[in-house]
C-alpha cells in the first residue's frame, strides 16, 4: 500500500472513531436526560421541560438550565416552578448496585407560582408529596409494599429561592384579573443527609411557603409537610451567616499577621504598618457587626412578609 493510501485510511479511521465517540456522547446525554425527566416527573407528578442539559465528560456532574414544572390542565397559568439552574454531583459506582449517591445538589429557584382557581382548587394539590400526605397511613403502607424506592443518599442540598407569587382567581379585581401577591423571600440555605427524593420536593414547598402568608390565606396544610421533613430542616444552615463568620475569622487572622509584621519591621515602616492595622481592626469590627446582624435576622422563625 502506498504512503498516500495509508494516510487516507488513517484519516478515515480517525474520522470514524470521532463519529462513534460523538454518537456515544449524544446517546449518553439523551439517556441521562430521559432518566432525569422521568425521575422528576415521578417525584413531582408534574410535566416538565428543560432547555439545556449537560452531563460531564470527564467528571460526574450534571448541569441543567431553564427547567420549568407545569401546572395541571385547567389552570390559566402554565408554569408552577421556574428553575434557571440545577447542578448535580453524582457517584457512578453506586448506580451499578441499584443505589443513588449524590454528594451535592444545587437548585436555583427563580419563581414559585401558587395558583388558586375560581372554584378554590390549588395547584399545590397536584404535587405528589401533597397527595401522599393526604392519604391514610394504611394506604401509604400498601404503596410502599408494592413499589420500593431505590436507596438514595444526598450529602448536601443547597437551595436558593428568589420569589413566591400567589395568583388568586377566586378573588378577581374589578377588571377581572386575579388578585396577585408577591413575596421576595431571597432564601439561600443548605441541608444535609437527605435519604428520600420526596423530601427534596417537600423541603422546597415548605421553605418557599413558610416565608409567606399563602398557607393561611388558602388553608393549606403546611404543618404536615413540615413534619415529614423535620429531620432535614434541623440540618439547615444559613449560607449568608456562614460566609460572614468566615470573613470575620479571616479579618481577625489578618490583624494578627499585621501585628507580627509590625514587631519585626524597621522603625520608619512602623507608622505605616500601624495605620494598616487600625484599618484591619475596623474591617474586622464591621464584619463582626454584619455577622451578628445576619444572625439576629435569620433567627426569626419566618422572614419578612411583603
Protein backbone atom coordinates (compact mmCIF):
# COMPACT_ATOMS: atom_id res chain seq x y z
CA UNK A 1 0.00 0.00 0.00
CA UNK A 2 1.31 3.43 -0.93
CA UNK A 3 2.07 6.08 1.65
CA UNK A 4 -0.85 8.19 0.38
CA UNK A 5 -3.26 5.26 0.68
CA UNK A 6 -2.15 4.54 4.25
CA UNK A 7 -2.64 8.18 5.16
CA UNK A 8 -6.19 8.19 3.74
CA UNK A 9 -7.01 5.02 5.66
CA UNK A 10 -5.71 6.54 8.90
CA UNK A 11 -7.76 9.70 8.35
CA UNK A 12 -10.90 7.64 7.70
CA UNK A 13 -10.26 5.58 10.82
CA UNK A 14 -9.83 8.72 12.92
CA UNK A 15 -12.99 10.23 11.44
CA UNK A 16 -14.95 7.04 12.13
CA UNK A 17 -13.62 6.95 15.70
CA UNK A 18 -14.64 10.57 16.19
CA UNK A 19 -18.14 9.87 14.88
CA UNK A 20 -18.50 6.88 17.22
CA UNK A 21 -17.32 8.93 20.21
CA UNK A 22 -19.70 11.79 19.38
CA UNK A 23 -22.51 9.27 18.94
CA UNK A 24 -21.80 7.72 22.34
CA UNK A 25 -21.69 11.15 23.99
CA UNK A 26 -25.01 12.15 22.43
CA UNK A 27 -26.56 8.82 23.39
CA UNK A 28 -25.27 9.26 26.94
CA UNK A 29 -26.77 12.75 27.15
CA UNK A 30 -30.12 11.61 25.73
CA UNK A 31 -30.33 8.62 28.07
CA UNK A 32 -29.36 10.70 31.11
CA UNK A 33 -31.81 13.45 30.19
CA UNK A 34 -34.65 10.95 29.85
CA UNK A 35 -33.75 9.44 33.22
CA UNK A 36 -33.78 12.86 34.90
CA UNK A 37 -37.07 13.85 33.25
CA UNK A 38 -38.73 10.60 34.29
CA UNK A 39 -37.35 10.92 37.82
CA UNK A 40 -38.57 14.50 38.28
CA UNK A 41 -41.96 13.61 36.78
CA UNK A 42 -42.26 10.59 39.08
CA UNK A 43 -41.39 12.53 42.24
CA UNK A 44 -43.44 15.68 41.49
CA UNK A 45 -46.30 14.26 39.43
CA UNK A 46 -45.99 17.21 37.02
CA UNK A 47 -44.98 17.72 33.41
CA UNK A 48 -41.70 19.50 32.82
CA UNK A 49 -39.38 20.92 30.22
CA UNK A 50 -35.67 21.73 30.27
CA UNK A 51 -33.97 23.82 27.60
CA UNK A 52 -30.39 22.73 28.28
CA UNK A 53 -28.99 19.51 29.70
CA UNK A 54 -25.29 18.70 30.06
CA UNK A 55 -23.58 15.70 31.55
CA UNK A 56 -19.85 15.95 32.27
CA UNK A 57 -17.45 14.02 30.05
CA UNK A 58 -14.51 13.91 32.45
CA UNK A 59 -16.37 14.40 35.72
CA UNK A 60 -19.52 13.08 37.37
CA UNK A 61 -21.67 16.21 37.15
CA UNK A 62 -24.97 17.13 35.56
CA UNK A 63 -25.91 20.70 34.63
CA UNK A 64 -29.49 21.71 33.83
CA UNK A 65 -30.67 25.14 32.73
CA UNK A 66 -34.15 26.61 32.40
CA UNK A 67 -36.18 23.77 33.86
CA UNK A 68 -39.89 24.50 34.25
CA UNK A 69 -42.58 22.49 36.04
CA UNK A 70 -46.04 23.00 34.58
CA UNK A 71 -49.43 23.26 36.22
CA UNK A 72 -52.05 20.56 35.51
CA UNK A 73 -54.71 21.16 32.87
CA UNK A 74 -57.42 23.60 33.86
CA UNK A 75 -55.13 26.25 35.33
CA UNK A 76 -54.80 29.54 33.45
CA UNK A 77 -51.13 29.92 34.43
CA UNK A 78 -48.92 27.39 32.68
CA UNK A 79 -45.80 27.43 34.86
CA UNK A 80 -45.69 26.48 38.55
CA UNK A 81 -41.92 26.47 39.12
CA UNK A 82 -39.14 28.23 37.18
CA UNK A 83 -35.63 26.94 37.91
CA UNK A 84 -32.90 28.65 35.83
CA UNK A 85 -30.14 26.37 37.08
CA UNK A 86 -29.69 22.95 38.68
CA UNK A 87 -26.35 21.32 39.46
CA UNK A 88 -25.94 17.67 40.47
CA UNK A 89 -22.77 15.87 41.51
CA UNK A 90 -23.21 12.09 41.42
CA UNK A 91 -21.16 8.98 42.16
CA UNK A 92 -21.19 6.43 39.36
CA UNK A 93 -20.27 3.22 41.20
CA UNK A 94 -23.40 3.01 43.44
CA UNK A 95 -25.62 3.09 40.32
CA UNK A 96 -24.40 -0.39 39.39
CA UNK A 97 -25.65 -1.61 42.79
CA UNK A 98 -29.09 -0.06 42.38
CA UNK A 99 -28.28 2.84 44.70
CA UNK A 100 -28.09 6.59 44.16
CA UNK A 101 -25.41 8.66 45.90
CA UNK A 102 -25.35 12.40 45.21
CA UNK A 103 -22.63 14.30 47.10
CA UNK A 104 -24.22 17.63 46.18
CA UNK A 105 -27.34 19.12 44.60
CA UNK A 106 -27.76 22.86 43.99
CA UNK A 107 -31.11 24.29 42.91
CA UNK A 108 -31.72 27.91 41.96
CA UNK A 109 -35.47 28.54 42.02
CA UNK A 110 -36.31 31.89 40.49
CA UNK A 111 -40.09 31.84 40.90
CA UNK A 112 -42.64 29.58 42.57
CA UNK A 113 -46.22 30.38 41.46
CA UNK A 114 -49.09 29.24 43.67
CA UNK A 115 -52.46 29.41 41.90
CA UNK A 116 -55.99 29.14 43.29
CA UNK A 117 -58.71 28.63 40.70
CA UNK A 118 -62.13 30.26 40.89
CA UNK A 119 -63.54 27.04 42.40
CA UNK A 120 -60.89 27.09 45.16
CA UNK A 121 -58.63 24.36 43.73
CA UNK A 122 -54.92 24.86 44.45
CA UNK A 123 -52.19 23.86 42.01
CA UNK A 124 -50.19 22.67 45.05
CA UNK A 125 -52.66 19.81 45.45
CA UNK A 126 -51.35 18.33 42.18
CA UNK A 127 -47.92 17.71 43.74
CA UNK A 128 -47.41 14.07 44.62
CA UNK A 129 -45.94 14.89 48.04
CA UNK A 130 -49.11 16.80 48.95
CA UNK A 131 -51.33 13.98 47.73
CA UNK A 132 -49.30 11.46 49.72
CA UNK A 133 -49.72 13.46 52.93
CA UNK A 134 -53.50 13.38 52.48
CA UNK A 135 -53.59 9.59 52.19
CA UNK A 136 -54.21 7.42 55.21
CA UNK A 137 -51.30 5.67 56.92
CA UNK A 138 -52.63 2.30 55.70
CA UNK A 139 -52.70 3.48 52.08
CA UNK A 140 -49.11 4.74 52.41
CA UNK A 141 -48.00 1.39 53.85
CA UNK A 142 -49.57 -0.58 50.97
CA UNK A 143 -47.97 1.72 48.41
CA UNK A 144 -44.54 1.23 49.99
CA UNK A 145 -45.01 -2.55 49.87
CA UNK A 146 -45.88 -2.53 46.16
CA UNK A 147 -43.23 -0.09 44.97
CA UNK A 148 -39.98 0.23 46.88
CA UNK A 149 -37.87 3.28 46.07
CA UNK A 150 -34.17 2.78 45.30
CA UNK A 151 -31.76 3.70 48.08
CA UNK A 152 -30.70 7.33 47.79
CA UNK A 153 -28.21 9.47 49.67
CA UNK A 154 -27.87 13.23 49.18
CA UNK A 155 -24.95 14.56 51.22
CA UNK A 156 -25.65 18.26 50.71
CA UNK A 157 -28.63 20.05 49.18
CA UNK A 158 -28.28 23.78 48.56
CA UNK A 159 -31.48 25.69 47.86
CA UNK A 160 -31.86 29.25 46.62
CA UNK A 161 -35.39 30.67 46.24
CA UNK A 162 -35.91 34.21 44.96
CA UNK A 163 -39.64 34.86 44.77
CA UNK A 164 -43.02 33.26 45.50
CA UNK A 165 -46.16 34.52 43.74
CA UNK A 166 -49.78 33.86 44.73
CA UNK A 167 -52.37 34.29 41.96
CA UNK A 168 -55.91 34.01 43.30
CA UNK A 169 -58.64 33.64 40.65
CA UNK A 170 -61.31 33.21 43.34
CA UNK A 171 -60.87 36.89 44.20
CA UNK A 172 -60.71 38.76 40.92
CA UNK A 173 -60.20 42.51 40.71
CA UNK A 174 -62.60 44.97 39.08
CA UNK A 175 -61.00 44.35 35.66
CA UNK A 176 -61.48 40.56 36.03
CA UNK A 177 -57.81 39.92 36.77
CA UNK A 178 -56.71 37.60 39.58
CA UNK A 179 -55.59 39.01 42.90
CA UNK A 180 -51.78 38.83 42.96
CA UNK A 181 -49.42 38.85 45.92
CA UNK A 182 -45.62 38.65 45.56
CA UNK A 183 -43.15 37.60 48.25
CA UNK A 184 -39.44 38.28 47.67
CA UNK A 185 -38.05 35.78 50.18
CA UNK A 186 -34.44 35.52 48.89
CA UNK A 187 -33.79 32.22 50.63
CA UNK A 188 -30.29 30.72 50.50
CA UNK A 189 -29.77 27.65 52.70
CA UNK A 190 -28.14 24.23 52.69
CA UNK A 191 -29.34 20.91 54.11
CA UNK A 192 -27.56 17.62 54.69
CA UNK A 193 -28.14 13.88 54.76
CA UNK A 194 -31.34 13.50 52.72
CA UNK A 195 -32.39 9.89 52.05
CA UNK A 196 -35.78 10.37 50.40
CA UNK A 197 -36.29 12.06 47.00
CA UNK A 198 -39.75 13.21 48.06
CA UNK A 199 -38.09 15.16 50.87
CA UNK A 200 -36.44 17.45 48.30
CA UNK A 201 -39.84 18.45 46.88
CA UNK A 202 -41.42 18.78 50.33
CA UNK A 203 -38.49 20.90 51.50
CA UNK A 204 -38.83 23.29 48.56
CA UNK A 205 -42.57 23.74 49.19
CA UNK A 206 -42.11 24.19 52.95
CA UNK A 207 -39.27 26.72 52.72
CA UNK A 208 -40.98 28.68 49.94
CA UNK A 209 -44.37 28.95 51.66
CA UNK A 210 -43.12 29.34 55.24
CA UNK A 211 -41.85 32.81 54.35
CA UNK A 212 -45.27 33.91 53.01
CA UNK A 213 -48.90 34.16 54.14
CA UNK A 214 -50.12 31.81 51.40
CA UNK A 215 -50.74 28.80 53.67
CA UNK A 216 -53.02 30.82 55.94
CA UNK A 217 -54.79 32.51 53.02
CA UNK A 218 -55.59 29.18 51.36
CA UNK A 219 -55.92 26.91 54.43
CA UNK A 220 -53.11 24.81 53.00
CA UNK A 221 -51.82 22.20 55.47
CA UNK A 222 -48.17 23.19 55.62
CA UNK A 223 -47.68 21.55 59.01
CA UNK A 224 -47.91 18.00 57.66
CA UNK A 225 -45.19 18.68 55.10
CA UNK A 226 -43.03 20.32 57.76
CA UNK A 227 -43.34 17.25 59.98
CA UNK A 228 -42.35 14.97 57.10
CA UNK A 229 -39.02 16.80 56.70
CA UNK A 230 -38.39 17.84 60.31
CA UNK A 231 -35.08 15.94 60.43
CA UNK A 232 -33.86 17.65 57.26
CA UNK A 233 -34.96 21.08 58.48
CA UNK A 234 -32.92 20.52 61.64
CA UNK A 235 -29.78 20.25 59.48
CA UNK A 236 -30.33 23.59 57.73
CA UNK A 237 -27.52 26.13 57.55
CA UNK A 238 -27.81 29.78 56.68
CA UNK A 239 -25.19 30.25 53.97
CA UNK A 240 -25.08 34.06 54.38
CA UNK A 241 -24.26 33.80 58.08
CA UNK A 242 -21.57 31.19 57.46
CA UNK A 243 -19.92 33.42 54.87
CA UNK A 244 -19.99 36.43 57.18
CA UNK A 245 -18.49 34.46 60.08
CA UNK A 246 -15.72 33.12 57.85
CA UNK A 247 -14.96 36.66 56.70
CA UNK A 248 -14.83 37.74 60.34
CA UNK A 249 -12.33 34.98 61.14
CA UNK A 250 -10.19 35.92 58.12
CA UNK A 251 -10.13 39.56 59.18
CA UNK A 252 -9.10 38.60 62.72
CA UNK A 253 -6.26 36.48 61.36
CA UNK A 254 -5.17 39.34 59.11
CA UNK A 255 -4.99 41.63 62.14
CA UNK A 256 -2.76 39.13 63.98
CA UNK A 257 -0.47 38.82 60.95
CA UNK A 258 -0.20 42.60 60.73
CA UNK A 259 0.87 42.83 64.37
CA UNK A 260 3.63 40.29 63.77
CA UNK A 261 4.87 42.27 60.78
CA UNK A 262 4.94 45.48 62.83
CA UNK A 263 7.04 43.93 65.59
CA UNK A 264 9.73 42.90 63.09
CA UNK A 265 9.57 45.95 60.81
CA UNK A 266 12.09 48.86 60.78
CA UNK A 267 11.11 51.98 62.71
CA UNK A 268 10.42 54.00 59.57
CA UNK A 269 7.78 51.46 58.47
CA UNK A 270 6.02 51.01 61.79
CA UNK A 271 3.92 54.14 61.42
CA UNK A 272 2.53 52.97 58.07
CA UNK A 273 2.02 49.43 59.35
CA UNK A 274 0.23 50.78 62.41
CA UNK A 275 -2.21 52.65 60.21
CA UNK A 276 -2.87 49.49 58.22
CA UNK A 277 -3.51 47.58 61.44
CA UNK A 278 -6.09 50.13 62.54
CA UNK A 279 -7.88 49.77 59.21
CA UNK A 280 -7.80 45.98 59.52
CA UNK A 281 -9.30 46.21 63.01
CA UNK A 282 -12.02 48.45 61.66
CA UNK A 283 -12.78 45.96 58.91
CA UNK A 284 -12.89 43.12 61.43
CA UNK A 285 -15.31 45.10 63.60
CA UNK A 286 -17.56 45.89 60.62
CA UNK A 287 -17.64 42.25 59.56
CA UNK A 288 -18.40 41.13 63.11
CA UNK A 289 -21.33 43.56 63.29
CA UNK A 290 -22.56 42.33 59.90
CA UNK A 291 -22.38 38.70 61.02
CA UNK A 292 -24.24 39.44 64.26
CA UNK A 293 -26.89 41.39 62.32
CA UNK A 294 -27.40 38.50 59.92
CA UNK A 295 -27.63 36.04 62.79
CA UNK A 296 -30.29 38.16 64.51
CA UNK A 297 -32.34 38.44 61.33
CA UNK A 298 -32.12 34.76 60.47
CA UNK A 299 -33.13 33.69 63.98
CA UNK A 300 -36.65 34.82 63.16
CA UNK A 301 -38.91 31.79 62.51
CA UNK A 302 -40.05 33.37 59.26
CA UNK A 303 -38.59 36.05 57.01
CA UNK A 304 -40.18 39.36 56.28
CA UNK A 305 -43.55 39.26 54.60
CA UNK A 306 -44.27 41.56 51.70
